[in-house]
Every structure is written in C-alpha cells, then in structure tokens.
Protein backbone atom coordinates (compact mmCIF):
# COMPACT_ATOMS: atom_id res chain seq x y z
CA MET A 1 -9.97 5.17 -20.95
CA ILE A 2 -8.97 6.00 -17.38
CA GLN A 3 -11.37 3.41 -15.99
CA LEU A 4 -9.93 0.45 -17.94
CA SER A 5 -8.15 -2.42 -16.21
CA VAL A 6 -4.78 -3.79 -17.28
CA ALA A 7 -6.37 -6.71 -19.11
CA GLU A 8 -8.77 -4.36 -20.90
CA LEU A 9 -5.95 -2.03 -21.93
CA LEU A 10 -3.78 -4.85 -23.23
CA ALA A 11 -6.69 -6.30 -25.22
CA ALA A 12 -7.49 -2.87 -26.67
CA TYR A 13 -3.86 -2.37 -27.69
CA ALA A 14 -3.67 -5.81 -29.29
CA GLN A 15 -6.86 -5.19 -31.26
CA ARG A 16 -5.76 -1.64 -32.26
CA ARG A 17 -8.85 -0.13 -30.62
CA LEU A 18 -6.63 2.07 -28.45
CA SER A 19 -3.00 3.11 -28.54
CA PRO A 20 -0.66 3.65 -25.58
CA VAL A 21 -0.30 7.27 -26.72
CA GLU A 22 -4.05 7.89 -26.49
CA VAL A 23 -4.21 6.29 -23.06
CA MET A 24 -1.18 8.19 -21.74
CA GLN A 25 -2.64 11.47 -22.99
CA ALA A 26 -5.94 10.68 -21.27
CA VAL A 27 -4.26 9.83 -17.95
CA LEU A 28 -2.07 12.95 -18.03
CA GLY A 29 -5.08 15.12 -18.79
CA HIS A 30 -7.23 13.56 -16.08
CA ALA A 31 -4.48 13.86 -13.46
CA GLY A 32 -3.93 17.47 -14.44
CA ARG A 33 -7.57 18.23 -13.75
CA ARG A 34 -7.60 16.52 -10.34
CA GLU A 35 -4.20 17.36 -8.85
CA HIS A 36 -5.24 20.75 -7.48
CA GLU A 37 -7.46 18.94 -4.97
CA LEU A 38 -5.71 15.58 -4.44
CA HIS A 39 -1.97 16.39 -4.29
CA ALA A 40 -1.13 12.79 -5.15
CA LEU A 41 1.90 13.45 -7.36
CA CYS A 42 5.30 14.94 -6.55
CA ALA A 43 6.75 14.64 -10.06
CA VAL A 44 5.35 14.20 -13.56
CA ASP A 45 7.38 13.91 -16.76
CA GLY A 46 4.75 14.12 -19.46
CA ASP A 47 7.22 14.39 -22.34
CA ALA A 48 9.10 11.26 -21.27
CA ALA A 49 5.81 9.43 -20.70
CA LEU A 50 4.55 10.25 -24.19
CA ALA A 51 7.90 9.25 -25.71
CA ALA A 52 7.65 5.90 -23.89
CA ALA A 53 4.06 5.55 -25.10
CA ARG A 54 5.16 6.08 -28.70
CA ALA A 55 7.86 3.43 -28.30
CA SER A 56 5.25 1.08 -26.83
CA GLU A 57 2.89 1.78 -29.72
CA ALA A 58 5.67 0.81 -32.15
CA ARG A 59 6.22 -2.49 -30.33
CA TRP A 60 2.52 -3.30 -30.48
CA GLN A 61 2.51 -2.56 -34.20
CA ALA A 62 5.60 -4.72 -34.72
CA GLY A 63 4.18 -7.64 -32.74
CA THR A 64 6.91 -7.42 -30.07
CA ALA A 65 4.84 -6.07 -27.17
CA LEU A 66 6.05 -6.76 -23.65
CA GLU A 67 4.07 -8.06 -20.66
CA LEU A 68 2.69 -4.70 -19.49
CA ASP A 69 3.50 -2.72 -22.60
CA GLY A 70 1.97 0.74 -22.59
CA VAL A 71 0.22 0.41 -19.21
CA PRO A 72 0.60 3.57 -17.08
CA VAL A 73 2.06 3.10 -13.59
CA THR A 74 3.01 5.47 -10.79
CA LEU A 75 5.93 4.91 -8.41
CA LYS A 76 6.03 5.99 -4.78
CA GLU A 77 8.67 8.65 -4.17
CA ASN A 78 10.89 6.25 -2.22
CA ILE A 79 11.24 3.88 -5.20
CA ALA A 80 14.60 4.88 -6.66
CA GLN A 81 15.10 5.76 -10.31
CA PRO A 82 18.52 6.91 -11.56
CA GLY A 83 18.89 10.66 -11.65
CA VAL A 84 15.36 11.27 -10.38
CA ALA A 85 14.54 13.28 -7.24
CA TYR A 86 14.81 11.04 -4.17
CA ARG A 87 13.79 13.10 -1.13
CA LEU A 88 11.80 10.49 0.84
CA GLY A 89 8.91 12.85 1.47
CA THR A 90 10.86 15.18 3.75
CA ALA A 91 12.12 18.72 3.38
CA ALA A 92 15.17 17.69 5.41
CA THR A 93 16.61 15.95 2.36
CA ALA A 94 18.84 18.05 0.11
CA ASP A 95 16.88 19.92 -2.55
CA ASP A 96 18.90 18.29 -5.32
CA ALA A 97 18.97 14.77 -3.86
CA THR A 98 18.70 12.11 -6.57
CA ALA A 99 19.08 8.35 -6.67
CA ASP A 100 22.11 6.76 -8.28
CA PHE A 101 20.46 3.35 -8.76
CA GLU A 102 17.22 1.82 -10.01
CA ALA A 103 15.23 -0.06 -7.38
CA PRO A 104 14.26 -3.60 -8.42
CA PRO A 105 10.49 -2.89 -8.62
CA ALA A 106 11.10 0.10 -10.91
CA ALA A 107 13.41 -1.99 -13.09
CA ARG A 108 10.94 -4.87 -13.43
CA LEU A 109 8.09 -2.57 -14.44
CA ARG A 110 10.27 -0.75 -16.97
CA GLU A 111 11.49 -4.03 -18.44
CA ALA A 112 7.85 -5.16 -18.84
CA GLY A 113 7.01 -2.03 -20.86
CA ALA A 114 4.93 -0.25 -18.20
CA ILE A 115 5.15 3.53 -18.40
CA ALA A 116 6.29 5.07 -15.10
CA TRP A 117 4.88 8.51 -15.78
CA ALA A 118 4.69 10.00 -12.27
CA ARG A 119 6.01 9.71 -8.73
CA THR A 120 3.60 9.81 -5.80
CA THR A 121 3.71 11.73 -2.54
CA MET A 122 4.51 10.27 0.88
CA PRO A 123 5.00 11.56 4.46
CA ASP A 124 8.45 12.20 5.96
CA TYR A 125 10.52 9.02 5.68
CA GLY A 126 7.32 7.01 5.15
CA MET A 127 6.71 6.98 8.90
CA LEU A 128 3.06 8.14 8.99
CA SER A 129 -0.29 6.63 8.02
CA SER A 130 -1.30 9.88 6.34
CA GLY A 131 -0.13 12.08 3.49
CA LEU A 132 1.12 14.90 5.75
CA SER A 133 4.67 15.91 4.83
CA SER A 134 7.17 18.69 5.44
CA LEU A 135 8.14 18.55 1.75
CA TYR A 136 4.84 19.16 0.00
CA ALA A 137 2.70 22.29 0.35
CA GLU A 138 -0.50 20.24 0.88
CA PRO A 139 -1.13 16.73 2.20
CA ALA A 140 -2.50 14.12 -0.17
CA ARG A 141 -6.29 13.91 -0.13
CA ASN A 142 -8.77 11.06 -0.33
CA PRO A 143 -10.78 11.10 -3.59
CA TRP A 144 -13.88 9.80 -1.76
CA ASP A 145 -13.84 12.90 0.46
CA THR A 146 -11.06 15.43 -0.05
CA ALA A 147 -11.32 16.64 3.54
CA LEU A 148 -9.87 13.27 4.58
CA THR A 149 -6.55 11.48 4.28
CA PRO A 150 -6.06 8.70 1.73
CA GLY A 151 -3.88 7.02 4.35
CA GLY A 152 -0.15 6.41 4.20
CA SER A 153 2.58 6.13 3.81
CA SER A 154 1.67 5.19 0.20
CA ALA A 155 -0.60 8.22 0.29
CA GLY A 156 -0.30 9.62 -3.21
CA ALA A 157 -0.34 6.14 -4.73
CA ALA A 158 -3.72 5.37 -3.14
CA ALA A 159 -5.20 8.75 -4.03
CA ALA A 160 -4.04 8.33 -7.63
CA ALA A 161 -5.45 4.80 -7.88
CA ALA A 162 -8.89 5.67 -6.51
CA ALA A 163 -9.09 8.83 -8.64
CA GLY A 164 -8.41 6.99 -11.91
CA TYR A 165 -4.82 7.99 -12.66
CA GLY A 166 -4.37 4.74 -14.59
CA PRO A 167 -4.68 1.16 -13.32
CA LEU A 168 -1.32 0.43 -11.63
CA HIS A 169 0.35 2.08 -8.64
CA LEU A 170 3.37 0.92 -6.64
CA GLY A 171 3.59 1.40 -2.88
CA THR A 172 5.72 0.17 0.01
CA ASP A 173 4.67 -1.24 3.38
CA ILE A 174 6.51 -1.67 6.69
CA GLY A 175 3.56 -1.58 9.10
CA GLY A 176 0.51 -1.11 6.89
CA SER A 177 1.59 1.54 4.38
CA ILE A 178 -0.02 -0.23 1.40
CA ARG A 179 -2.99 -1.82 3.16
CA LEU A 180 -4.13 1.18 5.23
CA PRO A 181 -4.48 3.56 2.27
CA ALA A 182 -5.98 0.75 0.20
CA GLY A 183 -8.59 0.17 2.91
CA TRP A 184 -9.42 3.87 3.27
CA CYS A 185 -9.64 4.37 -0.51
CA GLY A 186 -11.57 1.19 -1.40
CA LEU A 187 -8.65 -0.36 -3.29
CA VAL A 188 -6.90 -3.69 -3.57
CA GLY A 189 -3.55 -3.39 -1.80
CA LEU A 190 -1.19 -6.34 -1.46
CA LYS A 191 1.59 -6.64 1.10
CA PRO A 192 3.34 -9.65 -0.39
CA SER A 193 5.37 -12.22 1.49
CA HIS A 194 8.71 -10.77 2.50
CA GLY A 195 11.14 -11.44 -0.36
CA ARG A 196 8.40 -12.00 -2.93
CA VAL A 197 9.15 -8.62 -4.53
CA PRO A 198 12.89 -7.91 -4.41
CA ILE A 199 13.54 -4.42 -3.01
CA LYS A 200 16.45 -2.06 -2.39
CA PRO A 201 17.06 -0.64 0.12
CA ALA A 202 15.78 -3.49 2.27
CA TYR A 203 14.74 -3.35 5.91
CA ALA A 204 13.05 -5.72 8.35
CA GLY A 205 9.39 -6.01 7.35
CA ARG A 206 9.68 -3.64 4.35
CA VAL A 207 8.04 -4.73 1.10
CA ALA A 208 6.85 -3.19 -2.16
CA GLY A 209 3.52 -4.12 -3.69
CA PRO A 210 0.56 -3.15 -5.85
CA LEU A 211 -2.24 -0.68 -5.24
CA THR A 212 -4.96 -1.29 -7.84
CA ARG A 213 -8.71 -1.26 -8.27
CA THR A 214 -9.06 -5.01 -8.97
CA VAL A 215 -7.47 -8.23 -7.76
CA GLU A 216 -6.64 -9.24 -11.32
CA ASP A 217 -4.63 -6.06 -11.85
CA ALA A 218 -2.75 -6.65 -8.59
CA ALA A 219 -1.93 -10.19 -9.71
CA LEU A 220 -0.72 -9.07 -13.13
CA MET A 221 1.48 -6.45 -11.51
CA LEU A 222 2.83 -8.90 -8.93
CA ALA A 223 3.80 -11.38 -11.66
CA VAL A 224 6.14 -8.72 -13.06
CA LEU A 225 7.40 -7.38 -9.71
CA ALA A 226 8.23 -10.85 -8.37
CA GLN A 227 10.98 -11.61 -10.87
CA PRO A 228 14.41 -12.33 -9.32
CA ASP A 229 16.94 -9.65 -8.43
CA ALA A 230 20.14 -10.69 -6.68
CA ARG A 231 20.46 -7.30 -4.97
CA ASP A 232 17.87 -8.49 -2.45
CA PRO A 233 19.26 -11.53 -0.58
CA THR A 234 15.75 -12.34 0.75
CA GLN A 235 14.31 -12.84 -2.75
CA LEU A 236 11.90 -15.73 -3.23
CA PRO A 237 11.45 -17.80 -6.38
CA PRO A 238 8.85 -16.38 -8.79
CA GLY A 239 5.57 -18.19 -9.24
CA PRO A 240 2.15 -17.94 -10.90
CA PHE A 241 0.00 -15.27 -9.27
CA LEU A 242 -3.03 -14.93 -11.51
CA PRO A 243 -6.11 -15.50 -9.34
CA ARG A 244 -7.06 -19.16 -9.41
CA SER A 245 -10.46 -20.47 -8.49
CA VAL A 246 -10.63 -21.38 -4.83
CA GLU A 247 -12.96 -24.00 -3.37
CA LEU A 248 -14.70 -22.24 -0.51
CA ARG A 249 -16.52 -25.29 0.79
CA GLY A 250 -14.57 -26.63 3.74
CA LEU A 251 -12.04 -23.81 3.72
CA ARG A 252 -10.98 -22.94 7.28
CA ILE A 253 -11.09 -19.19 7.90
CA GLY A 254 -10.23 -17.39 11.13
CA LEU A 255 -12.06 -14.18 12.01
CA TRP A 256 -9.79 -11.83 13.98
CA THR A 257 -11.52 -8.71 15.33
CA ASP A 258 -9.69 -8.09 18.62
CA ALA A 259 -6.04 -7.15 18.09
CA GLY A 260 -5.22 -7.13 21.80
CA TRP A 261 -4.09 -3.49 21.78
CA GLY A 262 -4.82 -0.26 19.93
CA GLU A 263 -8.08 1.49 19.18
CA ALA A 264 -11.32 -0.49 19.43
CA VAL A 265 -12.91 -1.48 16.14
CA GLN A 266 -15.72 0.94 15.32
CA PRO A 267 -19.21 -0.57 14.91
CA GLU A 268 -19.54 0.00 11.15
CA VAL A 269 -16.12 -1.50 10.50
CA MET A 270 -16.96 -4.51 12.67
CA ALA A 271 -20.27 -4.97 10.87
CA ALA A 272 -18.68 -4.89 7.41
CA VAL A 273 -15.91 -7.36 8.30
CA THR A 274 -18.32 -9.69 10.08
CA ALA A 275 -20.68 -9.58 7.10
CA ALA A 276 -17.80 -10.62 4.83
CA ALA A 277 -17.04 -13.57 7.10
CA ARG A 278 -20.70 -14.61 7.09
CA ALA A 279 -20.75 -14.45 3.28
CA PHE A 280 -17.79 -16.83 3.11
CA GLU A 281 -19.52 -19.06 5.65
CA GLN A 282 -22.70 -19.15 3.57
CA ALA A 283 -20.56 -20.15 0.58
CA GLY A 284 -19.35 -23.20 2.49
CA ALA A 285 -16.28 -22.02 4.42
CA VAL A 286 -15.84 -22.87 8.08
CA VAL A 287 -15.37 -19.59 9.97
CA GLU A 288 -14.09 -19.60 13.54
CA PRO A 289 -13.10 -16.71 15.83
CA LEU A 290 -9.38 -16.08 16.27
CA PRO A 291 -8.60 -14.68 19.74
CA ALA A 292 -6.24 -11.76 20.26
CA PHE A 293 -2.60 -12.80 19.90
CA THR A 294 -0.68 -9.50 19.95
CA THR A 295 0.17 -7.44 23.01
CA ARG A 296 0.92 -3.89 24.08
CA GLU A 297 4.46 -5.00 24.95
CA MET A 298 5.03 -6.08 21.34
CA ALA A 299 3.70 -2.81 19.94
CA ASP A 300 5.59 -0.58 22.34
CA GLY A 301 8.83 -2.48 21.87
CA ILE A 302 8.71 -2.14 18.09
CA ASP A 303 7.76 1.53 18.49
CA ARG A 304 10.86 2.14 20.63
CA PHE A 305 13.10 0.34 18.15
CA TRP A 306 11.71 2.34 15.22
CA ARG A 307 12.11 5.58 17.17
CA MET A 308 15.79 4.82 17.70
CA ARG A 309 16.29 3.87 14.06
CA SER A 310 14.73 7.17 12.95
CA TRP A 311 16.49 9.18 15.66
CA LEU A 312 19.87 7.95 14.43
CA ASP A 313 19.04 9.09 10.89
CA ILE A 314 17.60 12.45 11.93
CA SER A 315 20.24 13.29 14.54
CA ALA A 316 22.94 12.77 11.90
CA LEU A 317 21.52 15.67 9.87
CA ALA A 318 22.92 19.16 10.09
CA ALA A 319 20.91 21.28 12.53
CA GLU A 320 19.30 23.41 9.83
CA ARG A 321 18.14 20.32 7.95
CA ARG A 322 16.96 18.54 11.09
CA ALA A 323 14.74 21.54 11.81
CA ARG A 324 12.92 20.96 8.50
CA VAL A 325 11.59 17.53 9.52
CA LEU A 326 7.87 17.45 10.23
CA PRO A 327 7.43 18.50 13.91
CA TYR A 328 5.30 15.43 14.66
CA ILE A 329 8.17 13.18 13.55
CA LEU A 330 10.68 15.15 15.62
CA ASP A 331 8.44 14.79 18.69
CA TRP A 332 8.05 11.08 18.00
CA VAL A 333 11.78 10.32 17.80
CA ALA A 334 12.87 12.64 20.62
CA PRO A 335 12.53 10.06 23.48
CA ALA A 336 15.01 7.77 21.69
CA ALA A 337 17.84 10.15 22.61
CA GLY A 338 17.56 8.78 26.15
CA TYR A 339 17.28 5.07 25.35
CA ASP A 340 20.02 2.71 26.49
CA GLY A 341 21.18 -0.38 24.64
CA GLY A 342 18.96 -2.70 26.66
CA THR A 343 15.85 -0.70 25.82
CA VAL A 344 16.62 -0.83 22.11
CA PHE A 345 17.49 -4.54 22.15
CA ARG A 346 14.33 -5.45 24.04
CA GLY A 347 12.35 -3.41 21.51
CA TYR A 348 14.02 -5.20 18.62
CA SER A 349 13.26 -8.58 20.22
CA GLN A 350 9.53 -7.82 20.03
CA MET A 351 9.73 -8.15 16.23
CA GLN A 352 10.53 -11.83 16.69
CA ALA A 353 7.92 -12.20 19.44
CA LEU A 354 5.26 -10.77 17.13
CA ARG A 355 6.47 -12.92 14.23
CA GLU A 356 6.14 -16.10 16.27
CA ALA A 357 2.75 -15.12 17.71
CA ALA A 358 1.25 -14.29 14.30
CA ASN A 359 2.45 -17.44 12.58
CA ALA A 360 1.32 -19.64 15.45
CA ALA A 361 -2.12 -18.00 15.63
CA CYS A 362 -2.75 -18.34 11.89
CA GLU A 363 -1.40 -21.88 11.52
CA ALA A 364 -4.77 -23.56 12.22
CA PHE A 365 -6.45 -21.69 9.33
CA ASP A 366 -6.16 -21.56 5.59
CA PHE A 367 -6.80 -17.80 5.75
CA VAL A 368 -7.61 -15.16 8.34
CA LEU A 369 -9.98 -12.21 7.93
CA SER A 370 -9.69 -8.98 9.90
CA PRO A 371 -10.30 -5.26 9.63
CA VAL A 372 -7.53 -3.36 7.89
CA SER A 373 -7.99 -0.53 10.39
CA PRO A 374 -10.35 -0.03 13.33
CA MET A 375 -11.80 3.11 11.73
CA PRO A 376 -12.42 4.74 8.34
CA ALA A 377 -10.31 7.63 7.01
CA TYR A 378 -9.63 10.61 9.27
CA PRO A 379 -8.95 14.31 8.48
CA ALA A 380 -6.17 14.97 5.98
CA HIS A 381 -4.30 17.48 8.13
CA LEU A 382 -3.70 14.97 10.96
CA ALA A 383 -0.39 13.11 11.09
CA SER A 384 -2.05 10.04 12.59
CA GLN A 385 -5.51 9.04 13.69
CA LEU A 386 -5.00 10.30 17.27
CA ASN A 387 -2.49 12.97 16.12
CA ASP A 388 -0.42 12.11 19.21
CA PRO A 389 3.27 11.30 18.57
CA GLN A 390 3.43 9.41 21.87
CA ARG A 391 0.58 7.12 20.74
CA PRO A 392 1.37 6.87 17.03
CA PHE A 393 0.38 3.32 16.15
CA GLU A 394 -3.02 2.71 17.74
CA HIS A 395 -4.59 2.28 14.29
CA ILE A 396 -2.08 -0.25 12.86
CA ALA A 397 -2.67 -3.14 15.26
CA PHE A 398 -4.24 -5.30 12.52
CA THR A 399 -1.60 -4.63 9.85
CA LEU A 400 1.72 -4.54 11.75
CA PRO A 401 1.84 -8.25 12.72
CA PHE A 402 2.10 -9.46 9.15
CA ASN A 403 5.10 -7.31 8.29
CA MET A 404 6.90 -9.00 11.16
CA SER A 405 5.57 -12.50 10.35
CA GLU A 406 6.28 -12.02 6.61
CA GLN A 407 2.85 -13.42 5.69
CA PRO A 408 1.01 -12.10 2.62
CA ALA A 409 -1.90 -9.81 3.46
CA LEU A 410 -4.40 -8.27 1.08
CA SER A 411 -6.62 -5.23 1.66
CA ILE A 412 -9.87 -5.19 -0.30
CA ASN A 413 -13.06 -3.21 0.06
CA ALA A 414 -15.64 -4.74 2.40
CA GLY A 415 -18.33 -2.06 2.24
CA TYR A 416 -19.03 1.55 3.12
CA THR A 417 -19.93 3.64 6.12
CA SER A 418 -23.44 4.99 6.41
CA ALA A 419 -22.76 7.79 8.89
CA GLY A 420 -21.77 11.28 7.74
CA LEU A 421 -22.31 13.11 4.48
CA GLN A 422 -20.19 10.82 2.31
CA PRO A 423 -20.02 7.00 2.41
CA LEU A 424 -16.43 5.92 2.99
CA PRO A 425 -14.76 2.61 2.12
CA ILE A 426 -14.10 0.01 4.82
CA GLY A 427 -11.16 -2.33 4.30
CA LEU A 428 -11.20 -6.11 4.76
CA GLN A 429 -7.81 -7.74 5.31
CA ILE A 430 -7.19 -11.27 3.98
CA ILE A 431 -4.13 -12.91 5.51
CA GLY A 432 -2.55 -16.10 4.16
CA ARG A 433 0.16 -18.45 5.26
CA ARG A 434 3.70 -17.38 4.48
CA PHE A 435 4.49 -17.61 0.75
CA ASP A 436 0.81 -18.12 -0.24
CA ASP A 437 0.51 -14.85 -2.15
CA ALA A 438 -1.47 -16.64 -4.85
CA GLY A 439 -3.92 -17.85 -2.20
CA VAL A 440 -4.73 -14.42 -0.79
CA LEU A 441 -5.23 -13.12 -4.33
CA ALA A 442 -7.54 -16.05 -5.05
CA LEU A 443 -9.63 -15.44 -1.95
CA GLY A 444 -9.70 -11.74 -2.80
CA ALA A 445 -11.04 -12.59 -6.25
CA ALA A 446 -13.68 -14.80 -4.64
CA TRP A 447 -14.70 -11.90 -2.40
CA GLU A 448 -15.07 -9.66 -5.44
CA GLN A 449 -17.74 -12.12 -6.63
CA LEU A 450 -19.45 -12.48 -3.24
CA ARG A 451 -19.61 -8.89 -2.06
CA PRO A 452 -22.50 -6.50 -2.78
CA ALA A 453 -22.31 -4.14 -5.74
CA GLN A 454 -19.66 -1.46 -5.31
CA ARG A 455 -20.18 2.28 -5.50
CA PRO A 456 -18.77 4.09 -8.55
CA TRP A 457 -15.15 5.16 -8.24
CA PRO A 458 -14.66 8.84 -7.33
CA PHE A 459 -13.04 9.75 -10.65
CA LYS A 460 -14.86 13.09 -10.81
CA GLY A 461 -14.22 14.33 -7.29
CA GLY A 462 -15.36 13.74 -3.74
CA ARG A 463 -16.88 16.13 -1.25
CA ALA A 464 -14.59 19.11 -0.72
C-alpha cells in the first residue's frame, strides 16, 4: 500500500479494494520501522490520524468523498496548525511554542480530506540545505544512502517521500528548499509561481509546494493547494494543473549549465542534464544553450540581506535562547551586526536585479532545463555542501534565481551517479515562464515518459 500513488489510492477507495484506515495503518507501521534511521518526522499523532481515516472511510461509504479523501500527507514543521508545536526547527524556540492559526496550505489539504498524520523535520529557521538542526537529536537522512543528507530545508519531507511514508508531502522553498531535497532524493518537487499557493506567513520568494514521487501526484496536490485564501495578498487565481500533453516538436528549450557563480557542475550531473536535453531534442524540441545570467554580486547581496533578516530575529532572543541556535547559523548571521543601512539596501536591491535577469534570460524559451544542484547529496552531518558559513550558498546558484523571479520550477530525477558504493539521484530542473505551472508539470510528465527506467525506491533502507 505504501507504494501507491494518489490516483491509485483514490481508485482503490472508490472500488472498496482498500480503506483509508488500512492505508493509514500501513503508513504508520512503515514509518515506525524506518524512523530510527531516517529521522524524517518531528511529530506523529497516530490516534488522530486513524480517527481521521475512519471519518474518511465513512464518507467513501456514504458517497460523499472529498478530493483527496483518505490520502496521507505530511506537513513541514513550519506549516502552522492550531495548537500544534511550532518551533521552526530550532531549539531556540520556546519548548511549548504552538501556532494559533492554520496556514492556508494546511487548511486546503484538510478541507480536501487529506490526512495530515505527521510533521517533518527541518533545519533552524529553514536556513540550510540539509537536515541538521539544533532541535532534533539527529539530522534527517537520505533513504538512498543514510550516511547522506536528504537536502533541505524540506529535509524530513523529502526523506519521508522517498522512503514511502505515503504519496504526498508538503514543503516550503525560499532558495531551493523543495527542489534541492527533491533532486537529491529522486523526487518530483515543485516550486510554484509566487502566489500560486497562498501561504502565511509570507516573505519575498517564499512558497509552499509538493514533494511527491510522480508528476501526477504533484499536480493533484497543487490543484488543492492553489485554492484562494485572502490572507495572502499575492494569491493568484486557481487553474487546471493536471498534466496535459505537450507537443515537443518545435518547442524552444534553453539549456542552462553555467550559473555564473557557485560551485562548478560535477561531470556526472552535467552528463545527466545534457542527456535529458538531448532526449527532448530527439523528440523534436529545439534546444539551445542559455549563457550565464546571474552574478556573484547578486548572490552576495541577497546573502547579506538574509543575514540581516536572520540577525534581527536571533538578536531579539534572550541570551540563553540565542545560545541554543545551531552554531553554524550563529556564525553565518554574525557579520550582519556590523552592516550599515546602505549595505542592507544594496543587498535587498539584488533581489530585483536577479528577478529581472532571470525573466529576461528565459523569455526567448518556452522552458529552460538546468541542474537542480551542481553535485549529488553530501554527508548528513554537514550544514551545507562546503560546511562554511561564510560561503553558504555555493550549491544553490541554479535554484535561487527562480524564487526571486517568481517563475515555476520543477525538480525531477534525471538519472543516477555511477561513482561510489550507492547510485544517487541527480536532479533535473524544469523552469517555465511566470504563471505557467501547468506547463512545467506537463514537461515533467513528458520527461517521465522519455527518461530511462528508474531504480526502485529505497523503501526498505539505503546503505548505512
């Protein structure tokens, strides 16, 4: 049961071949067997999940089932639910901190009958691309190889998805926090257009979106998440998101493999992304190289602005709580104490510079392909790929631009490494024009048909 997609679960419920109670019991049992090695979950309420499953079962029997009725879903720990622990992945938050509101994505999933049975782990304040956190005893682990990170900051969500903890998982993304873990765990991860999924609290570039094992599941989840909510003034009108067929012949696709800054793309990653582009070309698309369009000035400016934003939050804490923040994060924000107003403003202005550069570069193409990250997953105990708080973002050069430009961007598996003891997933990023979320899902579905056969999911454990 744990391997079934959303469509398969809904069909099984409708035909009375499975019940939501049976499925929820299977997911709870499977997660219980894997959590000692993956550390994907920070909270599980099995009793409430089974009660919700029984209510769902009654709706199916009465013929009043909802859109995602009885489908298990996990929520990242920064997605607020009333009265539920809300510590943002950091030990600096009060032990009894809870939310007093329900975030729009949580509300939409609940209203559609999905069962939010667990909350997933994240790093301090969501500011790392790993699962390392001051709050949890162990970092989240990658199911493909438990010595490695699943990525972050939607770390637990990605680990849970790849390990078979049900079909649907909700993450957030401000610089790659859905797409990076999706790429390193072989998943489909969608950073939707800004405003497509209403969110609270909102912030420049911040979105919520699906982490799933198939494009169809991501589309079904997005259709629910994208319903209106007036609490987010950037909300976009809802639309159809089920993957449509896309005519590849004549489609103009840009191939972007040089970000202009950051770590160089490793050979196996370059080979997998280039092979994907050639497959689209053989299917009739016109593929052209897209030169670098981002700069070190853009990256460093945004880094300085984010440091100041985080420094203001952390410096406001009492000294004993501030000392509980992950040391890497404290080292990262420390320089902001000396920034003047001009430094911060110039940093903030680089968001707009990056936005304009990304939209202009992509305008000539229907879609753009790129690596998700220059490298595959790195060791789980590292805070970032270089583990250097003064060079924290060298691995996000391909994902960051599209948070600033507000374009939809999809991570999907391109292939696997051949070096080392365990093959690791390599992420392909599909970028669309702003608001064309349906288009990136459609091209992702086309890639699912074009790509070579995939390796089995690591539901039974990776290399320890």
